[in-house]
Protein backbone atom coordinates (compact mmCIF):
# COMPACT_ATOMS: atom_id res chain seq x y z
CA MET A 1 54.08 13.04 29.72
CA LEU A 2 55.42 16.50 28.93
CA THR A 3 58.59 17.15 30.46
CA LYS A 4 60.11 19.88 28.38
CA VAL A 5 57.99 22.96 27.59
CA ILE A 6 60.56 24.86 25.54
CA ASP A 7 63.67 23.67 24.11
CA MET A 8 65.96 25.85 22.06
CA LYS A 9 69.31 24.53 20.93
CA ASN A 10 71.87 27.15 19.35
CA VAL A 11 69.21 29.31 17.86
CA SER A 12 69.99 32.32 15.87
CA TRP A 13 67.75 34.98 14.09
CA VAL A 14 69.07 37.18 11.43
CA ARG A 15 66.85 39.96 9.67
CA GLU A 16 68.19 42.30 6.88
CA LYS A 17 71.85 40.95 7.58
CA LYS A 18 71.34 42.03 11.47
CA THR A 19 71.80 39.40 14.11
CA ILE A 20 68.79 39.98 16.68
CA LEU A 21 69.43 36.56 18.45
CA SER A 22 72.47 34.72 18.71
CA ASP A 23 73.26 31.46 20.34
CA ILE A 24 70.16 30.87 22.16
CA ASN A 25 70.26 27.69 24.36
CA TRP A 26 67.39 27.67 26.59
CA GLN A 27 65.23 24.71 28.35
CA VAL A 28 62.10 25.27 30.52
CA LEU A 29 60.89 22.15 32.08
CA LYS A 30 57.36 21.21 33.52
CA GLY A 31 57.00 22.49 36.87
CA GLU A 32 59.00 25.91 36.44
CA ASN A 33 58.02 29.23 35.75
CA TRP A 34 60.37 31.55 34.39
CA ALA A 35 60.83 35.46 34.08
CA VAL A 36 62.81 37.18 31.18
CA LEU A 37 64.47 40.21 31.61
CA GLY A 38 66.16 42.48 29.38
CA LEU A 39 66.44 46.34 28.42
CA ASN A 40 64.69 47.50 25.40
CA GLY A 41 66.28 45.92 22.24
CA SER A 42 67.65 43.09 23.99
CA GLY A 43 65.60 40.40 22.02
CA LYS A 44 62.82 39.55 24.46
CA THR A 45 60.19 40.02 21.82
CA THR A 46 61.77 38.19 19.08
CA LEU A 47 62.35 35.20 21.46
CA LEU A 48 58.51 35.34 22.36
CA ASN A 49 57.55 35.31 18.63
CA MET A 50 59.58 32.31 17.98
CA VAL A 51 58.29 30.48 20.74
CA ASN A 52 54.76 31.38 19.53
CA GLY A 53 55.74 30.06 16.19
CA TYR A 54 55.55 33.54 14.34
CA ILE A 55 58.78 33.49 13.07
CA TRP A 56 61.48 30.72 12.51
CA PRO A 57 65.22 30.19 13.68
CA THR A 58 67.96 31.18 10.78
CA THR A 59 69.88 28.50 12.77
CA GLY A 60 69.21 26.09 15.37
CA GLN A 61 66.56 23.93 16.55
CA VAL A 62 63.27 25.15 18.40
CA SER A 63 60.78 22.47 20.28
CA VAL A 64 57.73 23.82 22.01
CA LEU A 65 55.40 21.65 24.19
CA GLU A 66 57.74 18.78 22.79
CA LYS A 67 56.61 19.54 19.21
CA GLN A 68 59.66 20.25 16.88
CA PHE A 69 59.31 23.21 14.39
CA GLY A 70 59.18 21.65 11.02
CA LYS A 71 57.61 18.58 11.97
CA THR A 72 54.23 20.04 13.56
CA ASP A 73 51.22 22.19 12.47
CA LEU A 74 51.91 25.36 14.32
CA ARG A 75 48.48 26.73 14.11
CA GLU A 76 47.67 23.88 16.38
CA LEU A 77 50.33 24.31 18.67
CA ARG A 78 49.34 28.00 19.25
CA LYS A 79 46.25 26.58 20.60
CA LYS A 80 48.01 25.11 23.51
CA ILE A 81 49.81 28.35 24.18
CA GLY A 82 48.22 31.41 25.82
CA TRP A 83 49.47 34.73 25.13
CA VAL A 84 48.76 38.04 26.72
CA SER A 85 50.47 41.25 25.64
CA SER A 86 49.78 44.88 25.10
CA ALA A 87 49.89 44.19 21.42
CA LEU A 88 46.95 41.97 21.83
CA GLU A 89 44.97 44.32 23.91
CA VAL A 90 45.03 47.06 21.15
CA ARG A 91 43.70 44.70 18.71
CA MET A 92 40.42 43.85 20.56
CA ASN A 93 37.01 45.21 19.53
CA THR A 94 36.09 47.77 22.31
CA SER A 95 32.33 46.97 21.81
CA GLU A 96 32.66 43.42 21.94
CA ARG A 97 31.40 41.77 25.60
CA VAL A 98 33.82 40.60 28.03
CA GLN A 99 32.80 37.09 27.88
CA ASP A 100 33.03 36.85 24.02
CA ILE A 101 36.57 38.29 24.14
CA ILE A 102 37.43 35.51 26.49
CA VAL A 103 35.71 32.50 24.77
CA SER A 104 37.52 33.58 21.52
CA GLY A 105 40.67 31.99 23.45
CA LYS A 106 39.46 28.67 22.61
CA TYR A 107 39.89 29.32 18.88
CA ALA A 108 43.07 31.43 19.13
CA SER A 109 41.38 33.99 17.22
CA ILE A 110 40.82 37.69 17.55
CA GLY A 111 37.26 37.93 17.30
CA LEU A 112 34.65 35.08 17.37
CA TYR A 113 34.11 33.18 13.91
CA GLU A 114 32.49 30.25 15.33
CA GLU A 115 29.47 29.49 17.75
CA PRO A 116 30.64 29.14 21.08
CA THR A 117 28.61 26.43 23.11
CA GLU A 118 26.87 26.87 26.75
CA ALA A 119 29.61 24.67 28.22
CA ASP A 120 32.24 27.22 26.79
CA PHE A 121 30.36 29.93 28.62
CA THR A 122 30.38 27.72 31.77
CA VAL A 123 34.20 27.84 31.29
CA VAL A 124 34.18 31.41 30.90
CA LYS A 125 32.54 32.12 34.26
CA LYS A 126 34.80 29.80 36.09
CA LEU A 127 37.62 31.75 34.69
CA MET A 128 36.20 34.97 35.45
CA GLU A 129 35.46 33.95 39.04
CA LYS A 130 38.98 32.58 39.30
CA LEU A 131 40.54 35.89 38.29
CA ARG A 132 37.81 37.91 40.25
CA ILE A 133 36.30 39.62 37.26
CA SER A 134 32.90 37.93 37.66
CA HIS A 135 31.40 41.55 37.68
CA LEU A 136 32.41 42.44 34.28
CA TYR A 137 30.20 39.68 32.60
CA ASP A 138 28.11 41.44 29.95
CA ARG A 139 30.22 44.67 29.94
CA THR A 140 31.79 45.55 26.89
CA TYR A 141 35.67 45.54 26.91
CA GLY A 142 35.87 49.41 26.25
CA THR A 143 34.29 50.12 29.37
CA CYS A 144 36.92 48.31 31.70
CA SER A 145 40.11 49.73 33.34
CA HIS A 146 43.55 48.90 32.18
CA GLY A 147 43.71 46.20 34.89
CA GLU A 148 40.59 44.62 34.12
CA LYS A 149 41.35 44.39 30.43
CA GLN A 150 44.57 42.56 31.41
CA LYS A 151 42.72 40.07 33.61
CA THR A 152 40.33 39.48 30.80
CA LEU A 153 43.09 38.85 28.28
CA ILE A 154 44.66 36.47 30.90
CA ALA A 155 41.28 34.47 31.12
CA ARG A 156 41.32 34.55 27.40
CA GLY A 157 44.61 33.02 27.48
CA LEU A 158 43.65 30.46 29.83
CA MET A 159 40.34 29.35 27.80
CA ALA A 160 41.99 26.53 25.69
CA SER A 161 43.72 24.97 28.96
CA PRO A 162 46.87 25.80 27.70
CA ASP A 163 50.27 24.01 28.83
CA LEU A 164 52.01 27.16 28.43
CA LEU A 165 51.24 30.90 29.05
CA ILE A 166 53.24 33.56 28.09
CA LEU A 167 52.58 37.21 29.86
CA ASP A 168 54.43 39.98 28.04
CA GLU A 169 54.97 42.93 30.27
CA PRO A 170 50.94 42.50 31.48
CA SER A 171 51.47 45.12 34.08
CA ASN A 172 52.67 47.80 31.83
CA GLY A 173 50.77 51.09 32.32
CA LEU A 174 49.24 49.84 35.44
CA ASP A 175 49.39 51.94 38.61
CA PHE A 176 50.83 50.62 41.93
CA ILE A 177 47.68 49.42 43.24
CA ALA A 178 46.42 47.77 39.91
CA ARG A 179 49.73 46.42 39.42
CA GLU A 180 49.95 44.67 42.53
CA GLU A 181 46.44 43.56 42.29
CA LEU A 182 47.14 41.76 39.07
CA LEU A 183 50.43 40.42 40.19
CA ALA A 184 48.70 38.75 43.31
CA THR A 185 46.30 37.34 40.63
CA ILE A 186 49.02 35.76 38.69
CA ASN A 187 50.76 34.47 41.65
CA GLU A 188 47.44 32.63 42.89
CA LEU A 189 46.94 31.23 39.39
CA ALA A 190 50.29 29.97 39.30
CA HIS A 191 50.04 28.04 42.45
CA GLN A 192 46.97 26.23 41.29
CA GLU A 193 46.93 22.57 40.50
CA ASP A 194 46.22 22.67 36.93
CA SER A 195 47.91 25.82 36.33
CA PRO A 196 50.08 26.11 32.88
CA THR A 197 53.85 26.69 32.78
CA ILE A 198 54.28 30.52 32.99
CA ILE A 199 56.56 32.86 30.94
CA LEU A 200 56.72 36.46 32.34
CA VAL A 201 58.47 38.92 30.52
CA THR A 202 59.16 42.16 32.49
CA HIS A 203 61.56 45.16 32.87
CA HIS A 204 61.22 45.13 36.66
CA ILE A 205 62.60 42.63 38.94
CA GLU A 206 60.07 43.33 41.74
CA GLU A 207 57.46 41.80 39.34
CA VAL A 208 59.13 38.30 39.62
CA LEU A 209 56.70 36.78 42.17
CA PRO A 210 57.44 33.79 44.51
CA ALA A 211 55.82 31.54 41.92
CA PHE A 212 58.54 32.03 39.68
CA THR A 213 61.49 29.73 40.03
CA HIS A 214 63.86 30.61 37.11
CA THR A 215 65.04 33.78 35.44
CA LEU A 216 66.77 34.36 31.92
CA LEU A 217 68.46 37.80 31.49
CA LEU A 218 68.75 38.69 27.91
CA ARG A 219 71.43 41.56 26.63
CA ALA A 220 71.89 42.43 22.92
CA GLY A 221 70.25 39.07 21.64
CA THR A 222 72.19 36.75 23.80
CA ILE A 223 71.73 35.25 27.00
CA TYR A 224 73.64 36.86 29.72
CA ASP A 225 72.89 34.48 32.35
CA GLN A 226 69.99 31.87 33.38
CA GLY A 227 69.11 29.84 36.33
CA LYS A 228 67.22 29.96 39.60
CA LYS A 229 66.40 33.52 40.42
CA GLU A 230 67.87 33.59 43.88
CA ASN A 231 71.34 32.86 41.96
CA ILE A 232 70.66 35.36 39.16
CA PHE A 233 69.29 38.30 41.35
CA THR A 234 72.01 39.32 43.31
CA SER A 235 73.64 42.94 43.53
CA GLU A 236 76.86 41.91 41.79
CA ARG A 237 74.96 39.91 38.83
CA LEU A 238 72.95 42.83 38.19
CA SER A 239 75.44 45.54 38.47
CA ASP A 240 77.36 43.82 35.67
CA PHE A 241 74.31 43.03 33.61
CA PHE A 242 72.82 46.68 33.79
CA GLY A 243 76.32 48.32 33.91
CA LYS A 244 75.49 50.26 37.07
CA SER A 245 75.87 49.77 40.53
CA VAL A 246 72.52 48.47 41.83
CA ALA A 247 71.58 46.84 45.35
CA VAL A 248 69.08 44.14 45.54
CA THR A 249 66.99 43.14 48.50
CA TRP A 250 64.24 40.51 49.13
CA GLN A 251 61.01 41.19 50.63
CA GLN A 252 58.29 38.61 51.06
CA ASP A 253 60.31 36.08 48.52
CA ARG A 254 60.29 39.02 45.79
CA PRO A 255 63.66 40.91 44.61
CA TRP A 256 63.88 44.71 44.55
CA MET A 257 66.39 46.73 42.91
CA THR A 258 67.66 50.45 43.65
CA LEU A 259 70.65 52.29 42.21
CA THR A 260 73.31 52.89 44.47
CA GLN A 261 76.18 55.48 44.51
CA GLU A 262 79.09 54.44 42.65
């Protein structure tokens, strides 16, 4: 039975003599959902690329879904990882039907290169129902709103019944209403019995929903702090993290942050 979803030990990544990640020690256990926060340039994208197996650590050891890098077929591993990001959205064919984009997630491919079965499209319809986008069936991707596109990509990420779902700033570019609708959908998804472990990457602490149990703070390629979210999201910790005086308040089990007068 899967217990360790992500296990990084003493990981660093150096590119062109510049250290991008340094001394990363991070464990995500089954039953936990994590939010990853950091300013631009903190190393969040690099960390995600490593979890996905797109880059290898310069030093240290990485295991994802209890498969150790160097001893596993990363192409097969990626089929058990759902990934949603704005980088993925722009690579999608706008003239493709929504259901075809979703079903391509079964093969972890951009576009369809294999013939899906009728059973596959039954799964697609269930996922679209779960994410409240059934009305998009037979619509082309290019006619969807930004929020609908994000939900389509989440459905695509779930198509292969992954053990790990990575959401890289999924609400980026959404207005307030669309963002809250998307976050509500993610929160519902996280509470379902068969839900994968979810990693949410965000700049905004109010996007850390009740379903998220833990938080990782990245700063300049190192882990500033990690642990249960209620211990991380305090005015004192975040003031030090951001180098600015901030106040944290909680509403409906979600943290909210404001700048304060120094």
